Amino acid sequence: MHDLPKPLIHSSRGRLPVLLSVPHSGTDYPDWLTDMAARGRPALTALEDPLVDRLVWRAMQHGIGAVIARAPRAAIDCNRSEDEVDPAIVGGAHRGRVTARARGGLGIVPTRTQQHGYLWRRPITPTDLEARLEQSHRPYHRAVKSELQNLIDRFGCALLLDCHSMPPAPTGIPPVVFGDCRGRTADAWVSKEAIAIAVKCGFEAGLNDPFAGGHVIDRHGAPARGVHALQIELDRRCYLDEKLRDAGPGFDRAASLIEALAVELGEALIGRQYATAAE
């Protein structure tokens, strides 16, 4: 049985009820995975959100917790639900629910990209998929759930910031896009304040268009329970070099944005929690 690494878990140790999630920056490519790639490792690394796991470290210096995937997105996508399966990759997969994302090649096991076409030499078995889920996907979501519950127990509230990057956006799309699943995963004030913080940091920002949020925030956000969840998409030109692989001149500024979001939203959330408790 082929192995995949479990996520890195950094438990909260500070004064803020915030958890960071980084599901798409895993770079631990086992040999068996690259051997399966029809066009080699470069076709697989194109699926990554490069260096987002490093962008969050400034925020983590405040004691803010994080769950960071180590397994590459090409092997298993922690921002997809378990039933978002493209039957083209899993032999004998149930063909009941095939979402638009899975049909487009970006299901729980990505199958193709516009740049590289079909990614794999052969399908995998349902047993293979189950192993990937058990080794990396389920531990990721168990960790997010556990860390959020710890924050609820300590503070009575929690904020999940799910951190991503996007390819260079077409004209008209701002460099920072927040998603709250169109109001399902966070109260309106949280999203509004996130945009205000981004603008204050010098970034144009938008909400829910074209990215409204994926499985991580949809699964774990529960405003009625005091758990607010936002997805953050950051244009890679904001923090990478011209080749969009290594840190560029804007890296520190982008890291400061995530730090400001985590700290200021966390402080606002806990302030509201104390105000409510005092009423």
C-alpha atoms as a PDB file:
ATOM      1  CA  MET A   1       0.000   0.000   0.000  1.00  0.00           C
ATOM      2  CA  HIS A   2       1.379   3.406  -0.986  1.00  0.00           C
ATOM      3  CA  ASP A   3       1.707   5.969   1.800  1.00  0.00           C
ATOM      4  CA  LEU A   4       0.961   9.682   1.943  1.00  0.00           C
ATOM      5  CA  PRO A   5       2.010  12.037   4.745  1.00  0.00           C
ATOM      6  CA  LYS A   6      -0.420  13.325   7.328  1.00  0.00           C
ATOM      7  CA  PRO A   7      -0.865  17.081   7.714  1.00  0.00           C
ATOM      8  CA  LEU A   8       1.236  19.314   9.903  1.00  0.00           C
ATOM      9  CA  ILE A   9      -0.768  20.440  12.937  1.00  0.00           C
ATOM     10  CA  HIS A  10       0.242  23.526  14.901  1.00  0.00           C
ATOM     11  CA  SER A  11      -2.110  23.948  17.824  1.00  0.00           C
ATOM     12  CA  SER A  12      -3.169  27.400  18.932  1.00  0.00           C
ATOM     13  CA  ARG A  13      -1.110  28.741  21.822  1.00  0.00           C
ATOM     14  CA  GLY A  14      -2.044  32.396  21.784  1.00  0.00           C
ATOM     15  CA  ARG A  15      -4.777  34.839  22.685  1.00  0.00           C
ATOM     16  CA  LEU A  16      -6.727  34.786  19.413  1.00  0.00           C
ATOM     17  CA  PRO A  17      -9.510  32.368  18.349  1.00  0.00           C
ATOM     18  CA  VAL A  18      -8.125  31.866  14.843  1.00  0.00           C
ATOM     19  CA  LEU A  19      -7.111  28.769  12.874  1.00  0.00           C
ATOM     20  CA  LEU A  20      -5.308  28.813   9.529  1.00  0.00           C
ATOM     21  CA  SER A  21      -5.876  26.114   6.911  1.00  0.00           C
ATOM     22  CA  VAL A  22      -3.497  25.488   3.983  1.00  0.00           C
ATOM     23  CA  PRO A  23      -4.765  22.528   1.938  1.00  0.00           C
ATOM     24  CA  HIS A  24      -3.008  23.013  -1.422  1.00  0.00           C
ATOM     25  CA  SER A  25       0.685  23.642  -0.684  1.00  0.00           C
ATOM     26  CA  GLY A  26       1.821  20.060  -0.042  1.00  0.00           C
ATOM     27  CA  THR A  27       5.101  19.205  -1.769  1.00  0.00           C
ATOM     28  CA  ASP A  28       5.912  15.714  -0.424  1.00  0.00           C
ATOM     29  CA  TYR A  29       5.771  13.809  -3.730  1.00  0.00           C
ATOM     30  CA  PRO A  30       6.396  10.093  -3.262  1.00  0.00           C
ATOM     31  CA  ASP A  31       8.127   8.293  -6.126  1.00  0.00           C
ATOM     32  CA  TRP A  32       5.080   6.142  -6.839  1.00  0.00           C
ATOM     33  CA  LEU A  33       2.992   9.255  -7.483  1.00  0.00           C
ATOM     34  CA  THR A  34       5.418  10.877  -9.915  1.00  0.00           C
ATOM     35  CA  ASP A  35       5.863   7.507 -11.649  1.00  0.00           C
ATOM     36  CA  MET A  36       2.111   7.513 -12.330  1.00  0.00           C
ATOM     37  CA  ALA A  37       2.212  10.998 -13.879  1.00  0.00           C
ATOM     38  CA  ALA A  38       1.827  10.881 -17.655  1.00  0.00           C
ATOM     39  CA  ARG A  39       3.777  14.130 -18.068  1.00  0.00           C
ATOM     40  CA  GLY A  40       6.063  13.992 -15.056  1.00  0.00           C
ATOM     41  CA  ARG A  41       6.211  15.958 -11.832  1.00  0.00           C
ATOM     42  CA  PRO A  42       5.935  19.449 -13.434  1.00  0.00           C
ATOM     43  CA  ALA A  43       2.367  18.641 -14.479  1.00  0.00           C
ATOM     44  CA  LEU A  44       1.557  17.790 -10.856  1.00  0.00           C
ATOM     45  CA  THR A  45       3.253  20.773  -9.244  1.00  0.00           C
ATOM     46  CA  ALA A  46       1.122  23.041 -11.444  1.00  0.00           C
ATOM     47  CA  LEU A  47      -1.780  22.147  -9.125  1.00  0.00           C
ATOM     48  CA  GLU A  48      -0.053  23.589  -6.047  1.00  0.00           C
ATOM     49  CA  ASP A  49      -0.675  26.886  -4.319  1.00  0.00           C
ATOM     50  CA  PRO A  50       3.052  27.711  -4.229  1.00  0.00           C
ATOM     51  CA  LEU A  51       4.536  28.804  -0.897  1.00  0.00           C
ATOM     52  CA  VAL A  52       1.214  29.608   0.769  1.00  0.00           C
ATOM     53  CA  ASP A  53       2.407  27.434   3.649  1.00  0.00           C
ATOM     54  CA  ARG A  54       5.221  29.979   4.097  1.00  0.00           C
ATOM     55  CA  LEU A  55       2.941  32.995   3.735  1.00  0.00           C
ATOM     56  CA  VAL A  56       1.094  32.020   6.927  1.00  0.00           C
ATOM     57  CA  TRP A  57       4.138  31.811   9.181  1.00  0.00           C
ATOM     58  CA  ARG A  58       4.075  35.484  10.121  1.00  0.00           C
ATOM     59  CA  ALA A  59       0.528  35.067  11.416  1.00  0.00           C
ATOM     60  CA  MET A  60       1.550  31.916  13.255  1.00  0.00           C
ATOM     61  CA  GLN A  61       4.159  33.873  15.221  1.00  0.00           C
ATOM     62  CA  HIS A  62       1.202  35.294  17.176  1.00  0.00           C
ATOM     63  CA  GLY A  63       0.457  31.804  18.473  1.00  0.00           C
ATOM     64  CA  ILE A  64      -2.269  31.239  15.883  1.00  0.00           C
ATOM     65  CA  GLY A  65      -2.800  27.583  15.037  1.00  0.00           C
ATOM     66  CA  ALA A  66      -2.595  26.028  11.575  1.00  0.00           C
ATOM     67  CA  VAL A  67      -3.359  22.815   9.736  1.00  0.00           C
ATOM     68  CA  ILE A  68      -1.109  22.456   6.690  1.00  0.00           C
ATOM     69  CA  ALA A  69      -1.336  19.650   4.132  1.00  0.00           C
ATOM     70  CA  ARG A  70       1.914  17.872   3.309  1.00  0.00           C
ATOM     71  CA  ALA A  71       0.468  15.512   0.726  1.00  0.00           C
ATOM     72  CA  PRO A  72       0.333  17.151  -2.707  1.00  0.00           C
ATOM     73  CA  ARG A  73      -3.001  18.203  -4.109  1.00  0.00           C
ATOM     74  CA  ALA A  74      -2.292  15.939  -7.101  1.00  0.00           C
ATOM     75  CA  ALA A  75      -2.641  12.905  -4.812  1.00  0.00           C
ATOM     76  CA  ILE A  76      -5.650  14.032  -2.774  1.00  0.00           C
ATOM     77  CA  ASP A  77      -7.408  17.398  -2.593  1.00  0.00           C
ATOM     78  CA  CYS A  78      -8.378  18.319   0.958  1.00  0.00           C
ATOM     79  CA  ASN A  79     -10.600  21.109  -0.381  1.00  0.00           C
ATOM     80  CA  ARG A  80     -12.960  18.611  -2.027  1.00  0.00           C
ATOM     81  CA  SER A  81     -15.586  16.404  -0.432  1.00  0.00           C
ATOM     82  CA  GLU A  82     -15.077  12.659  -0.449  1.00  0.00           C
ATOM     83  CA  ASP A  83     -17.747  12.094  -3.087  1.00  0.00           C
ATOM     84  CA  GLU A  84     -16.369  14.626  -5.607  1.00  0.00           C
ATOM     85  CA  VAL A  85     -14.876  11.810  -7.670  1.00  0.00           C
ATOM     86  CA  ASP A  86     -14.243  11.851 -11.397  1.00  0.00           C
ATOM     87  CA  PRO A  87     -15.009   8.301 -12.615  1.00  0.00           C
ATOM     88  CA  ALA A  88     -12.210   8.763 -15.162  1.00  0.00           C
ATOM     89  CA  ILE A  89      -9.616   8.338 -12.400  1.00  0.00           C
ATOM     90  CA  VAL A  90     -11.193   5.771 -10.067  1.00  0.00           C
ATOM     91  CA  GLY A  91     -11.991   2.494 -11.755  1.00  0.00           C
ATOM     92  CA  GLY A  92     -15.402   1.245 -10.660  1.00  0.00           C
ATOM     93  CA  ALA A  93     -16.261   4.510  -8.897  1.00  0.00           C
ATOM     94  CA  HIS A  94     -19.889   5.192  -8.153  1.00  0.00           C
ATOM     95  CA  ARG A  95     -21.262   7.424 -10.901  1.00  0.00           C
ATOM     96  CA  GLY A  96     -24.083   8.994  -8.904  1.00  0.00           C
ATOM     97  CA  ARG A  97     -22.792  12.464  -7.971  1.00  0.00           C
ATOM     98  CA  VAL A  98     -20.229  13.997 -10.298  1.00  0.00           C
ATOM     99  CA  THR A  99     -19.870  17.689  -9.528  1.00  0.00           C
ATOM    100  CA  ALA A 100     -18.938  20.305 -12.108  1.00  0.00           C
ATOM    101  CA  ARG A 101     -15.490  20.575 -10.524  1.00  0.00           C
ATOM    102  CA  ALA A 102     -14.897  16.827 -10.723  1.00  0.00           C
ATOM    103  CA  ARG A 103     -16.226  16.716 -14.262  1.00  0.00           C
ATOM    104  CA  GLY A 104     -13.807  19.536 -15.123  1.00  0.00           C
ATOM    105  CA  GLY A 105     -10.861  17.488 -13.836  1.00  0.00           C
ATOM    106  CA  LEU A 106     -10.524  19.056 -10.377  1.00  0.00           C
ATOM    107  CA  GLY A 107     -12.209  16.537  -8.116  1.00  0.00           C
ATOM    108  CA  ILE A 108     -10.812  14.945  -4.986  1.00  0.00           C
ATOM    109  CA  VAL A 109      -8.117  13.357  -7.175  1.00  0.00           C
ATOM    110  CA  PRO A 110      -7.377  15.842  -9.973  1.00  0.00           C
ATOM    111  CA  THR A 111      -7.413  14.244 -13.415  1.00  0.00           C
ATOM    112  CA  ARG A 112      -6.430  16.983 -15.843  1.00  0.00           C
ATOM    113  CA  THR A 113      -5.454  20.603 -16.250  1.00  0.00           C
ATOM    114  CA  GLN A 114      -5.821  22.991 -19.163  1.00  0.00           C
ATOM    115  CA  GLN A 115      -2.058  23.250 -19.526  1.00  0.00           C
ATOM    116  CA  HIS A 116      -1.093  19.576 -19.297  1.00  0.00           C
ATOM    117  CA  GLY A 117      -4.197  17.626 -20.251  1.00  0.00           C
ATOM    118  CA  TYR A 118      -4.837  14.236 -18.649  1.00  0.00           C
ATOM    119  CA  LEU A 119      -2.417  13.734 -15.762  1.00  0.00           C
ATOM    120  CA  TRP A 120      -2.194   9.996 -15.138  1.00  0.00           C
ATOM    121  CA  ARG A 121      -0.921   6.874 -16.872  1.00  0.00           C
ATOM    122  CA  ARG A 122      -3.725   4.745 -15.440  1.00  0.00           C
ATOM    123  CA  PRO A 123      -6.766   4.938 -13.143  1.00  0.00           C
ATOM    124  CA  ILE A 124      -6.569   4.037  -9.478  1.00  0.00           C
ATOM    125  CA  THR A 125      -8.747   1.548  -7.627  1.00  0.00           C
ATOM    126  CA  PRO A 126     -11.408   2.382  -5.034  1.00  0.00           C
ATOM    127  CA  THR A 127      -9.022   0.803  -2.497  1.00  0.00           C
ATOM    128  CA  ASP A 128      -6.298   3.237  -3.541  1.00  0.00           C
ATOM    129  CA  LEU A 129      -8.676   6.160  -3.099  1.00  0.00           C
ATOM    130  CA  GLU A 130      -9.747   4.917   0.322  1.00  0.00           C
ATOM    131  CA  ALA A 131      -6.110   4.700   1.404  1.00  0.00           C
ATOM    132  CA  ARG A 132      -5.439   8.289   0.288  1.00  0.00           C
ATOM    133  CA  LEU A 133      -8.517   9.478   2.137  1.00  0.00           C
ATOM    134  CA  GLU A 134      -7.542   7.649   5.309  1.00  0.00           C
ATOM    135  CA  GLN A 135      -3.900   8.738   5.236  1.00  0.00           C
ATOM    136  CA  SER A 136      -4.258  12.432   4.423  1.00  0.00           C
ATOM    137  CA  HIS A 137      -7.760  13.788   3.722  1.00  0.00           C
ATOM    138  CA  ARG A 138      -9.537  12.547   6.837  1.00  0.00           C
ATOM    139  CA  PRO A 139      -6.668  13.430   9.200  1.00  0.00           C
ATOM    140  CA  TYR A 140      -6.714  16.936   7.742  1.00  0.00           C
ATOM    141  CA  HIS A 141     -10.380  17.462   8.456  1.00  0.00           C
ATOM    142  CA  ARG A 142     -10.223  15.754  11.847  1.00  0.00           C
ATOM    143  CA  ALA A 143      -7.445  18.170  12.778  1.00  0.00           C
ATOM    144  CA  VAL A 144      -9.396  21.214  11.585  1.00  0.00           C
ATOM    145  CA  LYS A 145     -12.461  20.056  13.508  1.00  0.00           C
ATOM    146  CA  SER A 146     -10.461  19.349  16.666  1.00  0.00           C
ATOM    147  CA  GLU A 147      -8.550  22.642  16.585  1.00  0.00           C
ATOM    148  CA  LEU A 148     -11.737  24.635  16.018  1.00  0.00           C
ATOM    149  CA  GLN A 149     -13.420  22.844  18.905  1.00  0.00           C
ATOM    150  CA  ASN A 150     -10.471  23.719  21.129  1.00  0.00           C
ATOM    151  CA  LEU A 151     -10.924  27.377  20.209  1.00  0.00           C
ATOM    152  CA  ILE A 152     -14.673  27.197  20.901  1.00  0.00           C
ATOM    153  CA  ASP A 153     -13.941  25.636  24.282  1.00  0.00           C
ATOM    154  CA  ARG A 154     -11.425  28.383  25.141  1.00  0.00           C
ATOM    155  CA  PHE A 155     -13.033  31.469  23.621  1.00  0.00           C
ATOM    156  CA  GLY A 156     -16.629  30.588  22.789  1.00  0.00           C
ATOM    157  CA  CYS A 157     -15.979  31.473  19.129  1.00  0.00           C
ATOM    158  CA  ALA A 158     -13.564  30.672  16.307  1.00  0.00           C
ATOM    159  CA  LEU A 159     -12.444  31.933  12.914  1.00  0.00           C
ATOM    160  CA  LEU A 160     -11.119  29.613  10.182  1.00  0.00           C
ATOM    161  CA  LEU A 161      -9.045  31.253   7.433  1.00  0.00           C
ATOM    162  CA  ASP A 162      -8.579  28.843   4.525  1.00  0.00           C
ATOM    163  CA  CYS A 163      -5.599  30.136   2.540  1.00  0.00           C
ATOM    164  CA  HIS A 164      -5.142  29.689  -1.206  1.00  0.00           C
ATOM    165  CA  SER A 165      -3.554  31.336  -4.211  1.00  0.00           C
ATOM    166  CA  MET A 166      -4.918  31.755  -7.716  1.00  0.00           C
ATOM    167  CA  PRO A 167      -3.239  32.014 -11.120  1.00  0.00           C
ATOM    168  CA  PRO A 168      -2.913  35.536 -12.522  1.00  0.00           C
ATOM    169  CA  ALA A 169      -6.460  36.805 -12.662  1.00  0.00           C
ATOM    170  CA  PRO A 170      -8.092  38.279 -15.771  1.00  0.00           C
ATOM    171  CA  THR A 171      -8.788  41.998 -15.862  1.00  0.00           C
ATOM    172  CA  GLY A 172     -11.635  42.902 -13.550  1.00  0.00           C
ATOM    173  CA  ILE A 173     -10.884  40.297 -10.886  1.00  0.00           C
ATOM    174  CA  PRO A 174      -9.184  41.818  -7.818  1.00  0.00           C
ATOM    175  CA  PRO A 175      -5.924  40.337  -6.528  1.00  0.00           C
ATOM    176  CA  VAL A 176      -7.601  39.243  -3.288  1.00  0.00           C
ATOM    177  CA  VAL A 177     -10.895  37.360  -3.317  1.00  0.00           C
ATOM    178  CA  PHE A 178     -12.631  36.271  -0.125  1.00  0.00           C
ATOM    179  CA  GLY A 179     -15.271  33.552  -0.098  1.00  0.00           C
ATOM    180  CA  ASP A 180     -17.913  32.821   2.509  1.00  0.00           C
ATOM    181  CA  CYS A 181     -20.070  30.463   0.424  1.00  0.00           C
ATOM    182  CA  ARG A 182     -22.342  33.430  -0.264  1.00  0.00           C
ATOM    183  CA  GLY A 183     -23.001  34.118   3.388  1.00  0.00           C
ATOM    184  CA  ARG A 184     -23.303  30.543   4.672  1.00  0.00           C
ATOM    185  CA  THR A 185     -19.962  30.196   6.425  1.00  0.00           C
ATOM    186  CA  ALA A 186     -19.442  33.608   8.046  1.00  0.00           C
ATOM    187  CA  ASP A 187     -21.550  36.483   9.267  1.00  0.00           C
ATOM    188  CA  ALA A 188     -21.651  39.451   6.907  1.00  0.00           C
ATOM    189  CA  TRP A 189     -19.584  41.672   9.207  1.00  0.00           C
ATOM    190  CA  VAL A 190     -16.671  39.209   9.084  1.00  0.00           C
ATOM    191  CA  SER A 191     -16.453  39.314   5.300  1.00  0.00           C
ATOM    192  CA  LYS A 192     -16.954  43.065   5.208  1.00  0.00           C
ATOM    193  CA  GLU A 193     -14.193  43.595   7.752  1.00  0.00           C
ATOM    194  CA  ALA A 194     -11.864  41.251   5.845  1.00  0.00           C
ATOM    195  CA  ILE A 195     -12.259  43.391   2.732  1.00  0.00           C
ATOM    196  CA  ALA A 196     -11.609  46.557   4.750  1.00  0.00           C
ATOM    197  CA  ILE A 197      -8.404  45.059   6.193  1.00  0.00           C
ATOM    198  CA  ALA A 198      -7.187  44.053   2.723  1.00  0.00           C
ATOM    199  CA  VAL A 199      -7.846  47.557   1.392  1.00  0.00           C
ATOM    200  CA  LYS A 200      -6.023  49.071   4.362  1.00  0.00           C
ATOM    201  CA  CYS A 201      -3.056  46.826   3.495  1.00  0.00           C
ATOM    202  CA  GLY A 202      -3.079  48.163  -0.062  1.00  0.00           C
ATOM    203  CA  PHE A 203      -4.928  45.344  -1.847  1.00  0.00           C
ATOM    204  CA  GLU A 204      -8.069  45.605  -3.924  1.00  0.00           C
ATOM    205  CA  ALA A 205     -10.431  42.874  -2.714  1.00  0.00           C
ATOM    206  CA  GLY A 206     -13.711  41.226  -3.657  1.00  0.00           C
ATOM    207  CA  LEU A 207     -16.164  38.714  -2.241  1.00  0.00           C
ATOM    208  CA  ASN A 208     -17.449  35.416  -3.653  1.00  0.00           C
ATOM    209  CA  ASP A 209     -16.683  36.186  -7.289  1.00  0.00           C
ATOM    210  CA  PRO A 210     -15.235  34.155  -8.904  1.00  0.00           C
ATOM    211  CA  PHE A 211     -14.392  32.036  -5.831  1.00  0.00           C
ATOM    212  CA  ALA A 212     -17.168  31.582  -3.290  1.00  0.00           C
ATOM    213  CA  GLY A 213     -15.345  28.977  -1.219  1.00  0.00           C
ATOM    214  CA  GLY A 214     -14.683  25.259  -1.261  1.00  0.00           C
ATOM    215  CA  HIS A 215     -15.159  22.187   0.880  1.00  0.00           C
ATOM    216  CA  VAL A 216     -12.968  23.276   3.813  1.00  0.00           C
ATOM    217  CA  ILE A 217     -15.036  26.301   4.785  1.00  0.00           C
ATOM    218  CA  ASP A 218     -18.318  24.720   3.708  1.00  0.00           C
ATOM    219  CA  ARG A 219     -17.672  21.738   5.965  1.00  0.00           C
ATOM    220  CA  HIS A 220     -16.360  23.567   9.018  1.00  0.00           C
ATOM    221  CA  GLY A 221     -17.975  26.994   8.961  1.00  0.00           C
ATOM    222  CA  ALA A 222     -20.973  27.217  11.305  1.00  0.00           C
ATOM    223  CA  PRO A 223     -21.775  30.833  12.232  1.00  0.00           C
ATOM    224  CA  ALA A 224     -24.739  29.757  14.355  1.00  0.00           C
ATOM    225  CA  ARG A 225     -22.244  27.889  16.585  1.00  0.00           C
ATOM    226  CA  GLY A 226     -19.799  30.789  16.566  1.00  0.00           C
ATOM    227  CA  VAL A 227     -17.463  29.297  13.937  1.00  0.00           C
ATOM    228  CA  HIS A 228     -16.888  31.704  11.049  1.00  0.00           C
ATOM    229  CA  ALA A 229     -14.936  30.521   8.006  1.00  0.00           C
ATOM    230  CA  LEU A 230     -13.459  32.512   5.129  1.00  0.00           C
ATOM    231  CA  GLN A 231     -11.555  31.359   2.079  1.00  0.00           C
ATOM    232  CA  ILE A 232      -8.755  33.645   0.879  1.00  0.00           C
ATOM    233  CA  GLU A 233      -7.553  33.588  -2.741  1.00  0.00           C
ATOM    234  CA  LEU A 234      -4.444  35.631  -3.446  1.00  0.00           C
ATOM    235  CA  ASP A 235      -3.193  36.375  -6.973  1.00  0.00           C
ATOM    236  CA  ARG A 236       0.221  34.702  -7.278  1.00  0.00           C
ATOM    237  CA  ARG A 237       1.699  37.805  -8.866  1.00  0.00           C
ATOM    238  CA  CYS A 238       1.306  39.487  -5.481  1.00  0.00           C
ATOM    239  CA  TYR A 239       3.964  37.360  -3.814  1.00  0.00           C
ATOM    240  CA  LEU A 240       5.860  35.234  -6.365  1.00  0.00           C
ATOM    241  CA  ASP A 241       8.565  36.034  -8.900  1.00  0.00           C
ATOM    242  CA  GLU A 242       7.987  36.381 -12.640  1.00  0.00           C
ATOM    243  CA  LYS A 243       8.037  32.597 -13.128  1.00  0.00           C
ATOM    244  CA  LEU A 244       5.423  32.205 -10.375  1.00  0.00           C
ATOM    245  CA  ARG A 245       7.403  29.591  -8.459  1.00  0.00           C
ATOM    246  CA  ASP A 246       9.717  31.359  -5.986  1.00  0.00           C
ATOM    247  CA  ALA A 247       9.196  34.217  -3.550  1.00  0.00           C
ATOM    248  CA  GLY A 248       9.097  37.600  -5.236  1.00  0.00           C
ATOM    249  CA  PRO A 249       9.406  41.189  -4.041  1.00  0.00           C
ATOM    250  CA  GLY A 250       5.824  41.239  -2.781  1.00  0.00           C
ATOM    251  CA  PHE A 251       6.183  38.181  -0.548  1.00  0.00           C
ATOM    252  CA  ASP A 252       6.550  40.017   2.757  1.00  0.00           C
ATOM    253  CA  ARG A 253       3.648  42.328   1.952  1.00  0.00           C
ATOM    254  CA  ALA A 254       1.391  39.356   1.210  1.00  0.00           C
ATOM    255  CA  ALA A 255       2.467  37.626   4.428  1.00  0.00           C
ATOM    256  CA  SER A 256       1.650  40.826   6.293  1.00  0.00           C
ATOM    257  CA  LEU A 257      -1.828  40.789   4.767  1.00  0.00           C
ATOM    258  CA  ILE A 258      -2.546  37.314   6.118  1.00  0.00           C
ATOM    259  CA  GLU A 259      -1.092  38.332   9.471  1.00  0.00           C
ATOM    260  CA  ALA A 260      -3.324  41.419   9.596  1.00  0.00           C
ATOM    261  CA  LEU A 261      -6.400  39.406   8.663  1.00  0.00           C
ATOM    262  CA  ALA A 262      -5.736  36.787  11.325  1.00  0.00           C
ATOM    263  CA  VAL A 263      -4.911  39.252  14.086  1.00  0.00           C
ATOM    264  CA  GLU A 264      -7.498  41.958  13.399  1.00  0.00           C
ATOM    265  CA  LEU A 265     -10.379  39.621  12.602  1.00  0.00           C
ATOM    266  CA  GLY A 266      -9.482  37.513  15.636  1.00  0.00           C
ATOM    267  CA  GLU A 267      -9.470  40.579  17.883  1.00  0.00           C
ATOM    268  CA  ALA A 268     -12.784  41.782  16.436  1.00  0.00           C
ATOM    269  CA  LEU A 269     -14.367  38.369  16.930  1.00  0.00           C
ATOM    270  CA  ILE A 270     -13.275  38.042  20.532  1.00  0.00           C
ATOM    271  CA  GLY A 271     -14.338  41.637  21.212  1.00  0.00           C
ATOM    272  CA  ARG A 272     -17.834  40.886  19.975  1.00  0.00           C
ATOM    273  CA  GLN A 273     -17.898  37.682  21.998  1.00  0.00           C
ATOM    274  CA  TYR A 274     -17.065  39.539  25.208  1.00  0.00           C
ATOM    275  CA  ALA A 275     -19.591  42.279  24.393  1.00  0.00           C
ATOM    276  CA  THR A 276     -22.321  39.693  23.905  1.00  0.00           C
ATOM    277  CA  ALA A 277     -21.422  37.900  27.124  1.00  0.00           C
ATOM    278  CA  ALA A 278     -21.653  41.194  29.029  1.00  0.00           C
ATOM    279  CA  GLU A 279     -25.180  41.962  27.862  1.00  0.00           C
END
